[in-house]
Amino acid sequence: RPLSFADLHPPPTQLTLLNLWGCHNLTDDAAAQMTDLPHLRSLCVSECHRLTDRFVSGVARSLNRLLHLQLRYLRRITDESLEAVARGMPGLYSLDVSFCTRLTVEGLARFLTDKC
């Protein structure tokens, strides 16, 4: 069975930065396992090609204290992800959605209107 965040004992509760760039086997279910990271402020899941809006929505709910979120090359996410981030991450300082090809100009405009 694949290793999950639940297998880490004790959980890395003091972790402030988590870089999972290019973890191609990371799935949407990982968001539900990241709830015990209260000090996490920066998350990078760029080029984790299996991730969808479900992952981003889960992160926006469970890691709502993030300051930096990198979603570069997540080609399955849509404007729904931007809406979840705008609603759930009030303190977000930076968001990288470079090469997220399913995002629309309208979605980005709504995000900027909501966040700025």
PDB file of N, CA and C in Angstrom:
ATOM      1  N   ARG A   1       0.842  -1.180   0.000  1.00  0.00           N
ATOM      2  CA  ARG A   1       0.000   0.000   0.000  1.00  0.00           C
ATOM      3  C   ARG A   1       0.877   1.229   0.000  1.00  0.00           C
ATOM      4  N   PRO A   2       0.425   2.301  -0.661  1.00  0.00           N
ATOM      5  CA  PRO A   2       1.235   3.525  -0.721  1.00  0.00           C
ATOM      6  C   PRO A   2       1.320   4.209   0.638  1.00  0.00           C
ATOM      7  N   LEU A   3       2.425   4.864   0.867  1.00  0.00           N
ATOM      8  CA  LEU A   3       2.633   5.636   2.084  1.00  0.00           C
ATOM      9  C   LEU A   3       1.699   6.838   2.078  1.00  0.00           C
ATOM     10  N   SER A   4       1.132   7.169   3.237  1.00  0.00           N
ATOM     11  CA  SER A   4       0.258   8.336   3.335  1.00  0.00           C
ATOM     12  C   SER A   4       0.736   9.214   4.485  1.00  0.00           C
ATOM     13  N   PHE A   5       0.200  10.411   4.560  1.00  0.00           N
ATOM     14  CA  PHE A   5       0.554  11.319   5.651  1.00  0.00           C
ATOM     15  C   PHE A   5       0.180  10.718   6.997  1.00  0.00           C
ATOM     16  N   ALA A   6      -0.862   9.910   7.027  1.00  0.00           N
ATOM     17  CA  ALA A   6      -1.295   9.273   8.270  1.00  0.00           C
ATOM     18  C   ALA A   6      -0.245   8.317   8.812  1.00  0.00           C
ATOM     19  N   ASP A   7       0.687   7.845   7.976  1.00  0.00           N
ATOM     20  CA  ASP A   7       1.729   6.917   8.407  1.00  0.00           C
ATOM     21  C   ASP A   7       2.868   7.608   9.154  1.00  0.00           C
ATOM     22  N   LEU A   8       2.910   8.912   9.142  1.00  0.00           N
ATOM     23  CA  LEU A   8       3.994   9.649   9.790  1.00  0.00           C
ATOM     24  C   LEU A   8       3.703   9.786  11.276  1.00  0.00           C
ATOM     25  N   HIS A   9       4.569   9.212  12.094  1.00  0.00           N
ATOM     26  CA  HIS A   9       4.393   9.263  13.555  1.00  0.00           C
ATOM     27  C   HIS A   9       5.655   9.794  14.194  1.00  0.00           C
ATOM     28  N   PRO A  10       5.606  10.857  14.957  1.00  0.00           N
ATOM     29  CA  PRO A  10       4.429  11.717  15.092  1.00  0.00           C
ATOM     30  C   PRO A  10       4.254  12.552  13.830  1.00  0.00           C
ATOM     31  N   PRO A  11       3.047  13.116  13.639  1.00  0.00           N
ATOM     32  CA  PRO A  11       2.842  13.944  12.455  1.00  0.00           C
ATOM     33  C   PRO A  11       3.736  15.178  12.501  1.00  0.00           C
ATOM     34  N   PRO A  12       4.180  15.661  11.356  1.00  0.00           N
ATOM     35  CA  PRO A  12       5.107  16.802  11.314  1.00  0.00           C
ATOM     36  C   PRO A  12       4.379  18.123  11.571  1.00  0.00           C
ATOM     37  N   THR A  13       3.875  18.296  12.788  1.00  0.00           N
ATOM     38  CA  THR A  13       3.010  19.437  13.093  1.00  0.00           C
ATOM     39  C   THR A  13       3.733  20.780  13.047  1.00  0.00           C
ATOM     40  N   GLN A  14       5.054  20.813  13.154  1.00  0.00           N
ATOM     41  CA  GLN A  14       5.787  22.077  13.121  1.00  0.00           C
ATOM     42  C   GLN A  14       6.208  22.485  11.713  1.00  0.00           C
ATOM     43  N   LEU A  15       5.895  21.673  10.743  1.00  0.00           N
ATOM     44  CA  LEU A  15       6.276  21.922   9.360  1.00  0.00           C
ATOM     45  C   LEU A  15       5.663  23.230   8.850  1.00  0.00           C
ATOM     46  N   THR A  16       6.486  24.083   8.233  1.00  0.00           N
ATOM     47  CA  THR A  16       5.986  25.349   7.691  1.00  0.00           C
ATOM     48  C   THR A  16       5.990  25.376   6.170  1.00  0.00           C
ATOM     49  N   LEU A  17       6.808  24.555   5.534  1.00  0.00           N
ATOM     50  CA  LEU A  17       6.883  24.512   4.074  1.00  0.00           C
ATOM     51  C   LEU A  17       6.875  23.059   3.626  1.00  0.00           C
ATOM     52  N   LEU A  18       6.037  22.762   2.646  1.00  0.00           N
ATOM     53  CA  LEU A  18       5.970  21.410   2.099  1.00  0.00           C
ATOM     54  C   LEU A  18       6.023  21.512   0.581  1.00  0.00           C
ATOM     55  N   ASN A  19       7.077  20.959  -0.005  1.00  0.00           N
ATOM     56  CA  ASN A  19       7.275  21.001  -1.452  1.00  0.00           C
ATOM     57  C   ASN A  19       7.122  19.593  -1.997  1.00  0.00           C
ATOM     58  N   LEU A  20       6.038  19.390  -2.741  1.00  0.00           N
ATOM     59  CA  LEU A  20       5.750  18.086  -3.353  1.00  0.00           C
ATOM     60  C   LEU A  20       5.811  18.162  -4.877  1.00  0.00           C
ATOM     61  N   TRP A  21       6.558  19.122  -5.371  1.00  0.00           N
ATOM     62  CA  TRP A  21       6.682  19.362  -6.812  1.00  0.00           C
ATOM     63  C   TRP A  21       6.968  18.051  -7.537  1.00  0.00           C
ATOM     64  N   GLY A  22       6.174  17.763  -8.541  1.00  0.00           N
ATOM     65  CA  GLY A  22       6.432  16.611  -9.394  1.00  0.00           C
ATOM     66  C   GLY A  22       6.096  15.261  -8.798  1.00  0.00           C
ATOM     67  N   CYS A  23       5.366  15.225  -7.706  1.00  0.00           N
ATOM     68  CA  CYS A  23       4.943  13.932  -7.140  1.00  0.00           C
ATOM     69  C   CYS A  23       3.744  13.444  -7.951  1.00  0.00           C
ATOM     70  N   HIS A  24       4.027  12.778  -9.037  1.00  0.00           N
ATOM     71  CA  HIS A  24       3.005  12.436 -10.020  1.00  0.00           C
ATOM     72  C   HIS A  24       1.959  11.462  -9.512  1.00  0.00           C
ATOM     73  N   ASN A  25       2.232  10.749  -8.439  1.00  0.00           N
ATOM     74  CA  ASN A  25       1.251   9.805  -7.905  1.00  0.00           C
ATOM     75  C   ASN A  25       0.402  10.404  -6.786  1.00  0.00           C
ATOM     76  N   LEU A  26       0.621  11.663  -6.463  1.00  0.00           N
ATOM     77  CA  LEU A  26      -0.185  12.329  -5.442  1.00  0.00           C
ATOM     78  C   LEU A  26      -1.616  12.461  -5.947  1.00  0.00           C
ATOM     79  N   THR A  27      -2.577  12.089  -5.115  1.00  0.00           N
ATOM     80  CA  THR A  27      -3.985  12.131  -5.527  1.00  0.00           C
ATOM     81  C   THR A  27      -4.764  13.145  -4.701  1.00  0.00           C
ATOM     82  N   ASP A  28      -5.990  13.370  -5.108  1.00  0.00           N
ATOM     83  CA  ASP A  28      -6.861  14.310  -4.402  1.00  0.00           C
ATOM     84  C   ASP A  28      -7.052  13.931  -2.941  1.00  0.00           C
ATOM     85  N   ASP A  29      -6.983  12.656  -2.621  1.00  0.00           N
ATOM     86  CA  ASP A  29      -7.173  12.203  -1.240  1.00  0.00           C
ATOM     87  C   ASP A  29      -6.109  12.744  -0.296  1.00  0.00           C
ATOM     88  N   ALA A  30      -4.982  13.179  -0.815  1.00  0.00           N
ATOM     89  CA  ALA A  30      -3.911  13.704   0.038  1.00  0.00           C
ATOM     90  C   ALA A  30      -4.361  14.941   0.810  1.00  0.00           C
ATOM     91  N   ALA A  31      -5.261  15.736   0.261  1.00  0.00           N
ATOM     92  CA  ALA A  31      -5.724  16.949   0.942  1.00  0.00           C
ATOM     93  C   ALA A  31      -6.366  16.610   2.281  1.00  0.00           C
ATOM     94  N   ALA A  32      -7.129  15.550   2.315  1.00  0.00           N
ATOM     95  CA  ALA A  32      -7.789  15.148   3.554  1.00  0.00           C
ATOM     96  C   ALA A  32      -6.788  14.700   4.609  1.00  0.00           C
ATOM     97  N   GLN A  33      -5.620  14.262   4.183  1.00  0.00           N
ATOM     98  CA  GLN A  33      -4.601  13.791   5.112  1.00  0.00           C
ATOM     99  C   GLN A  33      -3.693  14.910   5.610  1.00  0.00           C
ATOM    100  N   MET A  34      -3.834  16.104   5.080  1.00  0.00           N
ATOM    101  CA  MET A  34      -2.964  17.221   5.458  1.00  0.00           C
ATOM    102  C   MET A  34      -3.561  18.091   6.558  1.00  0.00           C
ATOM    103  N   THR A  35      -4.565  17.611   7.237  1.00  0.00           N
ATOM    104  CA  THR A  35      -5.255  18.444   8.216  1.00  0.00           C
ATOM    105  C   THR A  35      -4.444  18.681   9.482  1.00  0.00           C
ATOM    106  N   ASP A  36      -3.476  17.845   9.785  1.00  0.00           N
ATOM    107  CA  ASP A  36      -2.678  17.985  11.008  1.00  0.00           C
ATOM    108  C   ASP A  36      -1.402  18.772  10.786  1.00  0.00           C
ATOM    109  N   LEU A  37      -1.444  19.776   9.945  1.00  0.00           N
ATOM    110  CA  LEU A  37      -0.282  20.617   9.665  1.00  0.00           C
ATOM    111  C   LEU A  37      -0.635  22.077   9.977  1.00  0.00           C
ATOM    112  N   PRO A  38      -0.860  22.391  11.256  1.00  0.00           N
ATOM    113  CA  PRO A  38      -1.373  23.724  11.618  1.00  0.00           C
ATOM    114  C   PRO A  38      -0.413  24.869  11.346  1.00  0.00           C
ATOM    115  N   HIS A  39       0.876  24.600  11.237  1.00  0.00           N
ATOM    116  CA  HIS A  39       1.865  25.660  11.023  1.00  0.00           C
ATOM    117  C   HIS A  39       2.282  25.805   9.561  1.00  0.00           C
ATOM    118  N   LEU A  40       1.710  24.977   8.688  1.00  0.00           N
ATOM    119  CA  LEU A  40       2.084  25.027   7.277  1.00  0.00           C
ATOM    120  C   LEU A  40       1.678  26.372   6.673  1.00  0.00           C
ATOM    121  N   ARG A  41       2.628  27.040   6.046  1.00  0.00           N
ATOM    122  CA  ARG A  41       2.376  28.344   5.436  1.00  0.00           C
ATOM    123  C   ARG A  41       2.652  28.352   3.937  1.00  0.00           C
ATOM    124  N   SER A  42       3.367  27.339   3.438  1.00  0.00           N
ATOM    125  CA  SER A  42       3.707  27.291   2.024  1.00  0.00           C
ATOM    126  C   SER A  42       3.560  25.857   1.520  1.00  0.00           C
ATOM    127  N   LEU A  43       2.796  25.700   0.438  1.00  0.00           N
ATOM    128  CA  LEU A  43       2.582  24.378  -0.148  1.00  0.00           C
ATOM    129  C   LEU A  43       2.807  24.472  -1.648  1.00  0.00           C
ATOM    130  N   CYS A  44       3.636  23.573  -2.150  1.00  0.00           N
ATOM    131  CA  CYS A  44       3.893  23.483  -3.587  1.00  0.00           C
ATOM    132  C   CYS A  44       3.495  22.088  -4.064  1.00  0.00           C
ATOM    133  N   VAL A  45       2.525  22.051  -4.975  1.00  0.00           N
ATOM    134  CA  VAL A  45       2.115  20.789  -5.591  1.00  0.00           C
ATOM    135  C   VAL A  45       2.194  20.913  -7.118  1.00  0.00           C
ATOM    136  N   SER A  46       3.074  21.763  -7.576  1.00  0.00           N
ATOM    137  CA  SER A  46       3.256  21.966  -9.011  1.00  0.00           C
ATOM    138  C   SER A  46       3.630  20.660  -9.702  1.00  0.00           C
ATOM    139  N   GLU A  47       3.085  20.464 -10.893  1.00  0.00           N
ATOM    140  CA  GLU A  47       3.329  19.289 -11.721  1.00  0.00           C
ATOM    141  C   GLU A  47       2.905  17.976 -11.068  1.00  0.00           C
ATOM    142  N   CYS A  48       1.960  18.041 -10.149  1.00  0.00           N
ATOM    143  CA  CYS A  48       1.333  16.833  -9.607  1.00  0.00           C
ATOM    144  C   CYS A  48       0.084  16.615 -10.458  1.00  0.00           C
ATOM    145  N   HIS A  49       0.258  15.979 -11.585  1.00  0.00           N
ATOM    146  CA  HIS A  49      -0.715  15.983 -12.666  1.00  0.00           C
ATOM    147  C   HIS A  49      -2.039  15.301 -12.379  1.00  0.00           C
ATOM    148  N   ARG A  50      -2.120  14.534 -11.320  1.00  0.00           N
ATOM    149  CA  ARG A  50      -3.380  13.841 -11.018  1.00  0.00           C
ATOM    150  C   ARG A  50      -4.332  14.702 -10.200  1.00  0.00           C
ATOM    151  N   LEU A  51      -3.859  15.828  -9.678  1.00  0.00           N
ATOM    152  CA  LEU A  51      -4.686  16.648  -8.788  1.00  0.00           C
ATOM    153  C   LEU A  51      -5.752  17.415  -9.557  1.00  0.00           C
ATOM    154  N   THR A  52      -6.919  17.550  -8.898  1.00  0.00           N
ATOM    155  CA  THR A  52      -8.069  18.212  -9.508  1.00  0.00           C
ATOM    156  C   THR A  52      -8.616  19.279  -8.559  1.00  0.00           C
ATOM    157  N   ASP A  53      -9.764  19.828  -8.944  1.00  0.00           N
ATOM    158  CA  ASP A  53     -10.437  20.820  -8.102  1.00  0.00           C
ATOM    159  C   ASP A  53     -10.746  20.265  -6.720  1.00  0.00           C
ATOM    160  N   ARG A  54     -10.995  18.985  -6.632  1.00  0.00           N
ATOM    161  CA  ARG A  54     -11.305  18.372  -5.327  1.00  0.00           C
ATOM    162  C   ARG A  54     -10.141  18.535  -4.361  1.00  0.00           C
ATOM    163  N   PHE A  55      -8.928  18.367  -4.840  1.00  0.00           N
ATOM    164  CA  PHE A  55      -7.748  18.559  -3.992  1.00  0.00           C
ATOM    165  C   PHE A  55      -7.656  20.014  -3.532  1.00  0.00           C
ATOM    166  N   VAL A  56      -7.761  20.947  -4.471  1.00  0.00           N
ATOM    167  CA  VAL A  56      -7.613  22.365  -4.130  1.00  0.00           C
ATOM    168  C   VAL A  56      -8.704  22.796  -3.146  1.00  0.00           C
ATOM    169  N   SER A  57      -9.920  22.341  -3.344  1.00  0.00           N
ATOM    170  CA  SER A  57     -11.010  22.670  -2.415  1.00  0.00           C
ATOM    171  C   SER A  57     -10.722  22.125  -1.022  1.00  0.00           C
ATOM    172  N   GLY A  58     -10.208  20.911  -0.953  1.00  0.00           N
ATOM    173  CA  GLY A  58      -9.864  20.326   0.342  1.00  0.00           C
ATOM    174  C   GLY A  58      -8.747  21.085   1.035  1.00  0.00           C
ATOM    175  N   VAL A  59      -7.747  21.494   0.292  1.00  0.00           N
ATOM    176  CA  VAL A  59      -6.645  22.283   0.855  1.00  0.00           C
ATOM    177  C   VAL A  59      -7.158  23.632   1.340  1.00  0.00           C
ATOM    178  N   ALA A  60      -8.032  24.258   0.561  1.00  0.00           N
ATOM    179  CA  ALA A  60      -8.572  25.566   0.952  1.00  0.00           C
ATOM    180  C   ALA A  60      -9.355  25.473   2.253  1.00  0.00           C
ATOM    181  N   ARG A  61     -10.005  24.341   2.495  1.00  0.00           N
ATOM    182  CA  ARG A  61     -10.738  24.142   3.754  1.00  0.00           C
ATOM    183  C   ARG A  61      -9.808  23.794   4.913  1.00  0.00           C
ATOM    184  N   SER A  62      -8.881  22.878   4.686  1.00  0.00           N
ATOM    185  CA  SER A  62      -8.093  22.347   5.805  1.00  0.00           C
ATOM    186  C   SER A  62      -6.799  23.104   6.079  1.00  0.00           C
ATOM    187  N   LEU A  63      -6.274  23.800   5.090  1.00  0.00           N
ATOM    188  CA  LEU A  63      -5.018  24.549   5.263  1.00  0.00           C
ATOM    189  C   LEU A  63      -5.262  26.027   4.976  1.00  0.00           C
ATOM    190  N   ASN A  64      -6.288  26.567   5.602  1.00  0.00           N
ATOM    191  CA  ASN A  64      -6.709  27.930   5.284  1.00  0.00           C
ATOM    192  C   ASN A  64      -5.778  29.017   5.816  1.00  0.00           C
ATOM    193  N   ARG A  65      -4.709  28.640   6.475  1.00  0.00           N
ATOM    194  CA  ARG A  65      -3.718  29.624   6.936  1.00  0.00           C
ATOM    195  C   ARG A  65      -2.511  29.730   6.014  1.00  0.00           C
ATOM    196  N   LEU A  66      -2.572  29.053   4.880  1.00  0.00           N
ATOM    197  CA  LEU A  66      -1.462  29.137   3.941  1.00  0.00           C
ATOM    198  C   LEU A  66      -1.252  30.572   3.471  1.00  0.00           C
ATOM    199  N   LEU A  67       0.009  30.917   3.287  1.00  0.00           N
ATOM    200  CA  LEU A  67       0.368  32.215   2.721  1.00  0.00           C
ATOM    201  C   LEU A  67       0.775  32.081   1.259  1.00  0.00           C
ATOM    202  N   HIS A  68       1.344  30.939   0.897  1.00  0.00           N
ATOM    203  CA  HIS A  68       1.844  30.710  -0.458  1.00  0.00           C
ATOM    204  C   HIS A  68       1.347  29.352  -0.951  1.00  0.00           C
ATOM    205  N   LEU A  69       0.782  29.355  -2.156  1.00  0.00           N
ATOM    206  CA  LEU A  69       0.271  28.118  -2.754  1.00  0.00           C
ATOM    207  C   LEU A  69       0.713  28.072  -4.207  1.00  0.00           C
ATOM    208  N   GLN A  70       1.428  27.011  -4.552  1.00  0.00           N
ATOM    209  CA  GLN A  70       1.917  26.842  -5.926  1.00  0.00           C
ATOM    210  C   GLN A  70       1.201  25.658  -6.575  1.00  0.00           C
ATOM    211  N   LEU A  71       0.440  25.990  -7.616  1.00  0.00           N
ATOM    212  CA  LEU A  71      -0.351  24.994  -8.338  1.00  0.00           C
ATOM    213  C   LEU A  71       0.079  24.894  -9.803  1.00  0.00           C
ATOM    214  N   ARG A  72       1.259  25.304 -10.092  1.00  0.00           N
ATOM    215  CA  ARG A  72       1.764  25.371 -11.473  1.00  0.00           C
ATOM    216  C   ARG A  72       1.624  24.023 -12.187  1.00  0.00           C
ATOM    217  N   TYR A  73       1.181  24.076 -13.437  1.00  0.00           N
ATOM    218  CA  TYR A  73       1.016  22.900 -14.307  1.00  0.00           C
ATOM    219  C   TYR A  73      -0.031  21.902 -13.812  1.00  0.00           C
ATOM    220  N   LEU A  74      -0.998  22.347 -13.026  1.00  0.00           N
ATOM    221  CA  LEU A  74      -2.119  21.461 -12.667  1.00  0.00           C
ATOM    222  C   LEU A  74      -3.183  21.640 -13.739  1.00  0.00           C
ATOM    223  N   ARG A  75      -3.102  20.833 -14.748  1.00  0.00           N
ATOM    224  CA  ARG A  75      -3.929  21.031 -15.936  1.00  0.00           C
ATOM    225  C   ARG A  75      -5.350  20.508 -15.780  1.00  0.00           C
ATOM    226  N   ARG A  76      -5.668  19.936 -14.626  1.00  0.00           N
ATOM    227  CA  ARG A  76      -7.033  19.453 -14.395  1.00  0.00           C
ATOM    228  C   ARG A  76      -7.861  20.432 -13.570  1.00  0.00           C
ATOM    229  N   ILE A  77      -7.241  21.462 -13.016  1.00  0.00           N
ATOM    230  CA  ILE A  77      -8.021  22.378 -12.189  1.00  0.00           C
ATOM    231  C   ILE A  77      -8.718  23.420 -13.056  1.00  0.00           C
ATOM    232  N   THR A  78      -9.862  23.887 -12.546  1.00  0.00           N
ATOM    233  CA  THR A  78     -10.685  24.852 -13.267  1.00  0.00           C
ATOM    234  C   THR A  78     -10.912  26.081 -12.379  1.00  0.00           C
ATOM    235  N   ASP A  79     -11.789  26.952 -12.843  1.00  0.00           N
ATOM    236  CA  ASP A  79     -12.135  28.146 -12.070  1.00  0.00           C
ATOM    237  C   ASP A  79     -12.714  27.799 -10.704  1.00  0.00           C
ATOM    238  N   GLU A  80     -13.240  26.597 -10.562  1.00  0.00           N
ATOM    239  CA  GLU A  80     -13.754  26.140  -9.264  1.00  0.00           C
ATOM    240  C   GLU A  80     -12.650  26.197  -8.202  1.00  0.00           C
ATOM    241  N   SER A  81     -11.437  25.874  -8.586  1.00  0.00           N
ATOM    242  CA  SER A  81     -10.305  25.939  -7.647  1.00  0.00           C
ATOM    243  C   SER A  81     -10.042  27.376  -7.212  1.00  0.00           C
ATOM    244  N   LEU A  82     -10.089  28.296  -8.166  1.00  0.00           N
ATOM    245  CA  LEU A  82      -9.879  29.703  -7.821  1.00  0.00           C
ATOM    246  C   LEU A  82     -10.947  30.187  -6.846  1.00  0.00           C
ATOM    247  N   GLU A  83     -12.190  29.776  -7.064  1.00  0.00           N
ATOM    248  CA  GLU A  83     -13.282  30.161  -6.168  1.00  0.00           C
ATOM    249  C   GLU A  83     -13.058  29.601  -4.771  1.00  0.00           C
ATOM    250  N   ALA A  84     -12.615  28.351  -4.673  1.00  0.00           N
ATOM    251  CA  ALA A  84     -12.357  27.734  -3.370  1.00  0.00           C
ATOM    252  C   ALA A  84     -11.236  28.464  -2.633  1.00  0.00           C
ATOM    253  N   VAL A  85     -10.186  28.820  -3.344  1.00  0.00           N
ATOM    254  CA  VAL A  85      -9.061  29.544  -2.730  1.00  0.00           C
ATOM    255  C   VAL A  85      -9.515  30.922  -2.275  1.00  0.00           C
ATOM    256  N   ALA A  86     -10.282  31.615  -3.098  1.00  0.00           N
ATOM    257  CA  ALA A  86     -10.761  32.955  -2.733  1.00  0.00           C
ATOM    258  C   ALA A  86     -11.639  32.901  -1.482  1.00  0.00           C
ATOM    259  N   ARG A  87     -12.488  31.892  -1.380  1.00  0.00           N
ATOM    260  CA  ARG A  87     -13.385  31.749  -0.224  1.00  0.00           C
ATOM    261  C   ARG A  87     -12.657  31.272   1.023  1.00  0.00           C
ATOM    262  N   GLY A  88     -11.757  30.320   0.851  1.00  0.00           N
ATOM    263  CA  GLY A  88     -11.220  29.614   2.010  1.00  0.00           C
ATOM    264  C   GLY A  88      -9.866  30.048   2.522  1.00  0.00           C
ATOM    265  N   MET A  89      -9.155  30.913   1.809  1.00  0.00           N
ATOM    266  CA  MET A  89      -7.793  31.275   2.206  1.00  0.00           C
ATOM    267  C   MET A  89      -7.667  32.803   2.282  1.00  0.00           C
ATOM    268  N   PRO A  90      -8.207  33.395   3.327  1.00  0.00           N
ATOM    269  CA  PRO A  90      -8.244  34.861   3.403  1.00  0.00           C
ATOM    270  C   PRO A  90      -6.873  35.515   3.497  1.00  0.00           C
ATOM    271  N   GLY A  91      -5.887  34.830   4.025  1.00  0.00           N
ATOM    272  CA  GLY A  91      -4.568  35.429   4.213  1.00  0.00           C
ATOM    273  C   GLY A  91      -3.560  35.092   3.122  1.00  0.00           C
ATOM    274  N   LEU A  92      -4.023  34.453   2.047  1.00  0.00           N
ATOM    275  CA  LEU A  92      -3.101  34.034   0.997  1.00  0.00           C
ATOM    276  C   LEU A  92      -2.373  35.236   0.412  1.00  0.00           C
ATOM    277  N   TYR A  93      -1.071  35.124   0.335  1.00  0.00           N
ATOM    278  CA  TYR A  93      -0.208  36.201  -0.144  1.00  0.00           C
ATOM    279  C   TYR A  93       0.228  35.984  -1.590  1.00  0.00           C
ATOM    280  N   SER A  94       0.484  34.732  -1.964  1.00  0.00           N
ATOM    281  CA  SER A  94       0.887  34.451  -3.342  1.00  0.00           C
ATOM    282  C   SER A  94       0.264  33.145  -3.825  1.00  0.00           C
ATOM    283  N   LEU A  95      -0.124  33.168  -5.106  1.00  0.00           N
ATOM    284  CA  LEU A  95      -0.714  32.014  -5.760  1.00  0.00           C
ATOM    285  C   LEU A  95      -0.094  31.893  -7.142  1.00  0.00           C
ATOM    286  N   ASP A  96       0.459  30.712  -7.436  1.00  0.00           N
ATOM    287  CA  ASP A  96       1.047  30.461  -8.748  1.00  0.00           C
ATOM    288  C   ASP A  96       0.169  29.454  -9.482  1.00  0.00           C
ATOM    289  N   VAL A  97      -0.485  29.920 -10.545  1.00  0.00           N
ATOM    290  CA  VAL A  97      -1.301  29.044 -11.379  1.00  0.00           C
ATOM    291  C   VAL A  97      -0.791  29.039 -12.826  1.00  0.00           C
ATOM    292  N   SER A  98       0.507  29.246 -12.967  1.00  0.00           N
ATOM    293  CA  SER A  98       1.113  29.212 -14.299  1.00  0.00           C
ATOM    294  C   SER A  98       0.833  27.866 -14.968  1.00  0.00           C
ATOM    295  N   PHE A  99       0.471  27.919 -16.234  1.00  0.00           N
ATOM    296  CA  PHE A  99       0.252  26.729 -17.058  1.00  0.00           C
ATOM    297  C   PHE A  99      -0.908  25.857 -16.583  1.00  0.00           C
ATOM    298  N   CYS A 100      -1.825  26.436 -15.823  1.00  0.00           N
ATOM    299  CA  CYS A 100      -3.078  25.751 -15.485  1.00  0.00           C
ATOM    300  C   CYS A 100      -4.052  26.084 -16.612  1.00  0.00           C
ATOM    301  N   THR A 101      -4.036  25.274 -17.635  1.00  0.00           N
ATOM    302  CA  THR A 101      -4.636  25.632 -18.913  1.00  0.00           C
ATOM    303  C   THR A 101      -6.158  25.607 -18.933  1.00  0.00           C
ATOM    304  N   ARG A 102      -6.800  25.101 -17.896  1.00  0.00           N
ATOM    305  CA  ARG A 102      -8.268  25.077 -17.871  1.00  0.00           C
ATOM    306  C   ARG A 102      -8.853  26.287 -17.152  1.00  0.00           C
ATOM    307  N   LEU A 103      -8.002  27.148 -16.602  1.00  0.00           N
ATOM    308  CA  LEU A 103      -8.499  28.372 -15.970  1.00  0.00           C
ATOM    309  C   LEU A 103      -8.890  29.354 -17.066  1.00  0.00           C
ATOM    310  N   THR A 104      -9.898  30.174 -16.773  1.00  0.00           N
ATOM    311  CA  THR A 104     -10.362  31.131 -17.770  1.00  0.00           C
ATOM    312  C   THR A 104     -10.042  32.556 -17.330  1.00  0.00           C
ATOM    313  N   VAL A 105     -10.075  33.448 -18.273  1.00  0.00           N
ATOM    314  CA  VAL A 105      -9.868  34.862 -17.980  1.00  0.00           C
ATOM    315  C   VAL A 105     -10.956  35.352 -17.017  1.00  0.00           C
ATOM    316  N   GLU A 106     -12.188  34.895 -17.234  1.00  0.00           N
ATOM    317  CA  GLU A 106     -13.290  35.286 -16.355  1.00  0.00           C
ATOM    318  C   GLU A 106     -13.066  34.799 -14.924  1.00  0.00           C
ATOM    319  N   GLY A 107     -12.609  33.577 -14.791  1.00  0.00           N
ATOM    320  CA  GLY A 107     -12.329  33.030 -13.460  1.00  0.00           C
ATOM    321  C   GLY A 107     -11.219  33.786 -12.754  1.00  0.00           C
ATOM    322  N   LEU A 108     -10.179  34.117 -13.495  1.00  0.00           N
ATOM    323  CA  LEU A 108      -9.078  34.885 -12.912  1.00  0.00           C
ATOM    324  C   LEU A 108      -9.549  36.284 -12.521  1.00  0.00           C
ATOM    325  N   ALA A 109     -10.394  36.904 -13.338  1.00  0.00           N
ATOM    326  CA  ALA A 109     -10.917  38.234 -13.019  1.00  0.00           C
ATOM    327  C   ALA A 109     -11.764  38.189 -11.746  1.00  0.00           C
ATOM    328  N   ARG A 110     -12.615  37.157 -11.613  1.00  0.00           N
ATOM    329  CA  ARG A 110     -13.416  37.010 -10.379  1.00  0.00           C
ATOM    330  C   ARG A 110     -12.512  36.812  -9.180  1.00  0.00           C
ATOM    331  N   PHE A 111     -11.483  35.981  -9.326  1.00  0.00           N
ATOM    332  CA  PHE A 111     -10.550  35.751  -8.230  1.00  0.00           C
ATOM    333  C   PHE A 111      -9.887  37.051  -7.794  1.00  0.00           C
ATOM    334  N   LEU A 112      -9.394  37.804  -8.737  1.00  0.00           N
ATOM    335  CA  LEU A 112      -8.723  39.058  -8.415  1.00  0.00           C
ATOM    336  C   LEU A 112      -9.674  40.057  -7.784  1.00  0.00           C
ATOM    337  N   THR A 113     -10.909  40.095  -8.237  1.00  0.00           N
ATOM    338  CA  THR A 113     -11.902  40.980  -7.650  1.00  0.00           C
ATOM    339  C   THR A 113     -12.195  40.576  -6.206  1.00  0.00           C
ATOM    340  N   ASP A 114     -12.318  39.269  -5.953  1.00  0.00           N
ATOM    341  CA  ASP A 114     -12.604  38.777  -4.607  1.00  0.00           C
ATOM    342  C   ASP A 114     -11.441  38.950  -3.649  1.00  0.00           C
ATOM    343  N   LYS A 115     -10.207  38.767  -4.132  1.00  0.00           N
ATOM    344  CA  LYS A 115      -9.023  38.766  -3.258  1.00  0.00           C
ATOM    345  C   LYS A 115      -8.356  40.125  -3.115  1.00  0.00           C
ATOM    346  N   CYS A 116      -8.516  41.012  -4.068  1.00  0.00           N
ATOM    347  CA  CYS A 116      -7.750  42.255  -4.042  1.00  0.00           C
ATOM    348  C   CYS A 116      -8.592  43.441  -3.618  1.00  0.00           C
TER     349      CYS A 116
END
